[in-house]
Every structure is written in structure tokens, then in C-alpha cells.
């Protein structure tokens, strides 16, 4: 029995994100890693979102995490895990 199945990580699409977030939120989260947001601005934003720490890689990490969750769901739904 195979216990682990590798699933390739990918970024979530805007359509997938829109199923649970407003466009305003998606846009803001995409900008967090950009040069227009300095470390000070990220700290201020972190205070607003109490349990989140932001840095220059936050947007990319969040997109990969969300896209990977979708891929796991798709694999379970298509029974890829049950080979």
C-alpha cells in the first residue's frame, strides 16, 4: 500500500480565490509582497490581521498553499489517492 502520493504544488487561480474571498482582499494579498509594501507597511497590516505575519514572500506562499489545497481536493475527488 502506498502511503504518500506526491502532488505538485501550484498557485491558486483568481477564479478559485474568488470562491471564498472578495476581489479587494485578493488584490491586497497579492500586493503584500510587492515593492510598494515596505516592511513597516507589512507590520501594520499584520496587526490588522491578528494571526498573520507578512513578509516579501507572503503572497507567493499563500497562492501556493491555496492552489495545493485545491489539488489535494481534486485528487481525493477523482480517487487518485486510492490506487
Protein backbone atom coordinates (compact mmCIF):
# COMPACT_ATOMS: atom_id res chain seq x y z
CA UNK A 1 0.00 0.00 0.00
CA UNK A 2 1.35 3.41 -0.96
CA UNK A 3 1.05 5.81 1.94
CA UNK A 4 2.08 9.06 0.27
CA UNK A 5 1.21 10.34 -3.16
CA UNK A 6 3.18 13.33 -4.42
CA UNK A 7 1.04 16.17 -5.66
CA UNK A 8 2.64 19.06 -7.49
CA UNK A 9 2.15 22.46 -5.89
CA UNK A 10 0.64 25.25 -7.94
CA UNK A 11 -0.69 28.73 -7.37
CA UNK A 12 -4.42 29.18 -6.95
CA UNK A 13 -6.18 30.97 -9.77
CA UNK A 14 -8.14 34.18 -9.32
CA UNK A 15 -11.35 32.25 -10.05
CA UNK A 16 -10.58 29.76 -7.27
CA UNK A 17 -9.74 32.54 -4.82
CA UNK A 18 -12.93 34.38 -5.74
CA UNK A 19 -15.00 31.46 -4.43
CA UNK A 20 -14.02 32.41 -0.86
CA UNK A 21 -12.53 35.93 -0.97
CA UNK A 22 -13.57 39.31 -2.32
CA UNK A 23 -11.58 40.76 -5.22
CA UNK A 24 -10.45 43.57 -2.90
CA UNK A 25 -8.95 41.03 -0.48
CA UNK A 26 -7.26 39.06 -3.27
CA UNK A 27 -5.74 42.25 -4.70
CA UNK A 28 -4.48 43.34 -1.28
CA UNK A 29 -2.91 39.97 -0.54
CA UNK A 30 -1.21 39.93 -3.94
CA UNK A 31 0.30 43.37 -3.25
CA UNK A 32 1.70 42.45 0.16
CA UNK A 33 4.88 41.01 -1.36
CA UNK A 34 5.37 43.82 -3.87
CA UNK A 35 7.92 46.59 -3.55
CA UNK A 36 5.22 49.17 -2.83
CA UNK A 37 4.70 47.48 0.55
CA UNK A 38 7.70 48.04 2.78
CA UNK A 39 8.39 46.15 5.98
CA UNK A 40 6.69 48.84 8.06
CA UNK A 41 3.50 48.66 5.99
CA UNK A 42 3.51 44.85 6.28
CA UNK A 43 3.81 45.14 10.08
CA UNK A 44 0.83 47.50 10.18
CA UNK A 45 -1.18 45.11 8.01
CA UNK A 46 -0.16 42.19 10.26
CA UNK A 47 -1.74 43.96 13.21
CA UNK A 48 -4.99 44.24 11.28
CA UNK A 49 -4.95 40.50 10.52
CA UNK A 50 -4.11 39.35 14.02
CA UNK A 51 -2.83 35.83 13.27
CA UNK A 52 -0.88 36.51 10.06
CA UNK A 53 2.75 37.54 9.70
CA UNK A 54 3.55 39.17 6.35
CA UNK A 55 6.89 39.27 4.55
CA UNK A 56 8.16 39.65 0.98
CA UNK A 57 7.20 36.05 0.14
CA UNK A 58 3.75 36.02 1.72
CA UNK A 59 1.76 36.42 -1.49
CA UNK A 60 3.55 33.62 -3.29
CA UNK A 61 3.35 31.32 -0.26
CA UNK A 62 -0.37 31.94 0.17
CA UNK A 63 -1.09 31.32 -3.52
CA UNK A 64 0.89 28.07 -3.49
CA UNK A 65 -0.82 26.90 -0.29
CA UNK A 66 -4.31 27.65 -1.64
CA UNK A 67 -3.59 26.06 -5.02
CA UNK A 68 -2.15 22.97 -3.35
CA UNK A 69 -5.28 22.55 -1.24
CA UNK A 70 -7.34 22.64 -4.45
CA UNK A 71 -5.05 19.98 -5.99
CA UNK A 72 -5.41 17.71 -2.94
CA UNK A 73 -9.18 18.11 -3.10
CA UNK A 74 -9.17 17.29 -6.82
CA UNK A 75 -7.03 14.20 -6.22
CA UNK A 76 -9.35 12.95 -3.48
CA UNK A 77 -12.44 13.70 -5.54
CA UNK A 78 -11.06 11.83 -8.54
CA UNK A 79 -9.88 8.99 -6.26
CA UNK A 80 -6.26 9.48 -7.34
CA UNK A 81 -5.28 8.70 -3.77
CA UNK A 82 -6.90 5.28 -3.91
CA UNK A 83 -4.69 3.50 -6.45
